[in-house]
C-alpha atoms as a PDB file:
ATOM      1  CA  MET A   1     -87.413  15.899  55.585  1.00  0.00           C
ATOM      2  CA  PRO A   2     -88.303  12.177  55.396  1.00  0.00           C
ATOM      3  CA  PRO A   3     -88.008  10.144  58.599  1.00  0.00           C
ATOM      4  CA  LEU A   4     -85.525   7.703  57.043  1.00  0.00           C
ATOM      5  CA  PRO A   5     -83.486   7.785  53.846  1.00  0.00           C
ATOM      6  CA  GLY A   6     -85.238   6.093  50.981  1.00  0.00           C
ATOM      7  CA  ALA A   7     -88.745   7.531  51.404  1.00  0.00           C
ATOM      8  CA  GLU A   8     -88.563   8.880  47.857  1.00  0.00           C
ATOM      9  CA  LEU A   9     -87.948   5.329  46.580  1.00  0.00           C
ATOM     10  CA  VAL A  10     -91.180   3.877  47.998  1.00  0.00           C
ATOM     11  CA  GLN A  11     -93.363   2.909  45.022  1.00  0.00           C
ATOM     12  CA  THR A  12     -95.420  -0.113  46.073  1.00  0.00           C
ATOM     13  CA  PRO A  13     -97.543  -0.989  49.103  1.00  0.00           C
ATOM     14  CA  LEU A  14     -95.057  -3.692  50.155  1.00  0.00           C
ATOM     15  CA  GLN A  15     -92.168  -1.211  49.996  1.00  0.00           C
ATOM     16  CA  LEU A  16     -94.239   1.208  52.078  1.00  0.00           C
ATOM     17  CA  TYR A  17     -94.999  -1.501  54.637  1.00  0.00           C
ATOM     18  CA  ARG A  18     -91.321  -2.403  55.037  1.00  0.00           C
ATOM     19  CA  TYR A  19     -90.304   1.270  55.138  1.00  0.00           C
ATOM     20  CA  LEU A  20     -92.818   2.049  57.906  1.00  0.00           C
ATOM     21  CA  LEU A  21     -91.716  -0.958  59.978  1.00  0.00           C
ATOM     22  CA  ARG A  22     -88.122   0.283  59.684  1.00  0.00           C
ATOM     23  CA  CYS A  23     -89.296   3.699  60.893  1.00  0.00           C
ATOM     24  CA  CYS A  24     -90.885   2.024  63.923  1.00  0.00           C
ATOM     25  CA  ARG A  25     -87.482   0.645  64.923  1.00  0.00           C
ATOM     26  CA  GLN A  26     -86.230   4.221  65.315  1.00  0.00           C
ATOM     27  CA  LEU A  27     -88.832   5.140  67.952  1.00  0.00           C
ATOM     28  CA  PRO A  28     -87.499   5.620  71.482  1.00  0.00           C
ATOM     29  CA  GLU A  29     -89.729   3.406  73.665  1.00  0.00           C
ATOM     30  CA  GLU A  30     -90.839  -0.204  73.223  1.00  0.00           C
ATOM     31  CA  ASN A  31     -94.522   0.462  73.934  1.00  0.00           C
ATOM     32  CA  ILE A  32     -94.555   3.239  71.312  1.00  0.00           C
ATOM     33  CA  ARG A  33     -92.819   0.927  68.790  1.00  0.00           C
ATOM     34  CA  GLN A  34     -95.396  -1.802  69.448  1.00  0.00           C
ATOM     35  CA  HIS A  35     -98.285   0.625  69.031  1.00  0.00           C
ATOM     36  CA  TYR A  36     -97.080   1.936  65.663  1.00  0.00           C
ATOM     37  CA  ARG A  37     -96.110  -1.544  64.385  1.00  0.00           C
ATOM     38  CA  HIS A  38     -99.650  -2.683  65.166  1.00  0.00           C
ATOM     39  CA  THR A  39    -101.079   0.388  63.428  1.00  0.00           C
ATOM     40  CA  VAL A  40     -98.943  -0.193  60.323  1.00  0.00           C
ATOM     41  CA  ARG A  41    -100.006  -3.843  60.105  1.00  0.00           C
ATOM     42  CA  GLN A  42    -103.689  -3.006  60.565  1.00  0.00           C
ATOM     43  CA  SER A  43    -103.568  -0.314  57.875  1.00  0.00           C
ATOM     44  CA  PHE A  44    -101.814  -2.675  55.481  1.00  0.00           C
ATOM     45  CA  ARG A  45    -104.555  -5.275  55.977  1.00  0.00           C
ATOM     46  CA  VAL A  46    -107.355  -2.718  55.596  1.00  0.00           C
ATOM     47  CA  HIS A  47    -105.959  -1.392  52.310  1.00  0.00           C
ATOM     48  CA  ALA A  48    -104.762  -4.741  50.905  1.00  0.00           C
ATOM     49  CA  ASP A  49    -107.593  -4.900  48.339  1.00  0.00           C
ATOM     50  CA  GLU A  50    -106.965  -1.389  46.988  1.00  0.00           C
ATOM     51  CA  ASP A  51    -106.458  -1.571  43.221  1.00  0.00           C
ATOM     52  CA  SER A  52    -106.578   2.047  42.032  1.00  0.00           C
ATOM     53  CA  PRO A  53    -103.025   3.251  41.233  1.00  0.00           C
ATOM     54  CA  GLU A  54    -103.964   6.850  42.042  1.00  0.00           C
ATOM     55  CA  ARG A  55    -105.410   5.878  45.416  1.00  0.00           C
ATOM     56  CA  ILE A  56    -102.365   3.736  46.213  1.00  0.00           C
ATOM     57  CA  GLN A  57    -100.053   6.675  45.505  1.00  0.00           C
ATOM     58  CA  GLN A  58    -102.216   8.918  47.733  1.00  0.00           C
ATOM     59  CA  ILE A  59    -101.990   6.379  50.557  1.00  0.00           C
ATOM     60  CA  ILE A  60     -98.212   6.076  50.148  1.00  0.00           C
ATOM     61  CA  LYS A  61     -97.731   9.853  50.157  1.00  0.00           C
ATOM     62  CA  ARG A  62     -99.933  10.340  53.214  1.00  0.00           C
ATOM     63  CA  ALA A  63     -98.308   7.467  55.127  1.00  0.00           C
ATOM     64  CA  ILE A  64     -94.821   8.890  54.554  1.00  0.00           C
ATOM     65  CA  GLU A  65     -96.010  12.340  55.681  1.00  0.00           C
ATOM     66  CA  ASP A  66     -97.564  10.812  58.798  1.00  0.00           C
ATOM     67  CA  ALA A  67     -94.376   8.843  59.527  1.00  0.00           C
ATOM     68  CA  ASP A  68     -92.392  12.055  59.193  1.00  0.00           C
ATOM     69  CA  TRP A  69     -94.697  13.735  61.711  1.00  0.00           C
ATOM     70  CA  VAL A  70     -94.430  10.854  64.193  1.00  0.00           C
ATOM     71  CA  MET A  71     -90.636  10.685  63.890  1.00  0.00           C
ATOM     72  CA  ASN A  72     -90.275  14.439  64.504  1.00  0.00           C
ATOM     73  CA  LYS A  73     -92.713  14.483  67.434  1.00  0.00           C
END
């Protein structure tokens, strides 16, 4: 079960970034939201130069799975 509707529509890194920030808004406490927003931004910057389509799809899949785990925690 994806954390928010639309996870199956995420195709690009920018869509993933926006999707994960929307997931952060659903978290219960402000300090937790800030932590995960910071983590999402850092990861986006670290992987910004990724150019392999296969690797990008792996990152997207893993990030959505991780978001699902965090949202269900």
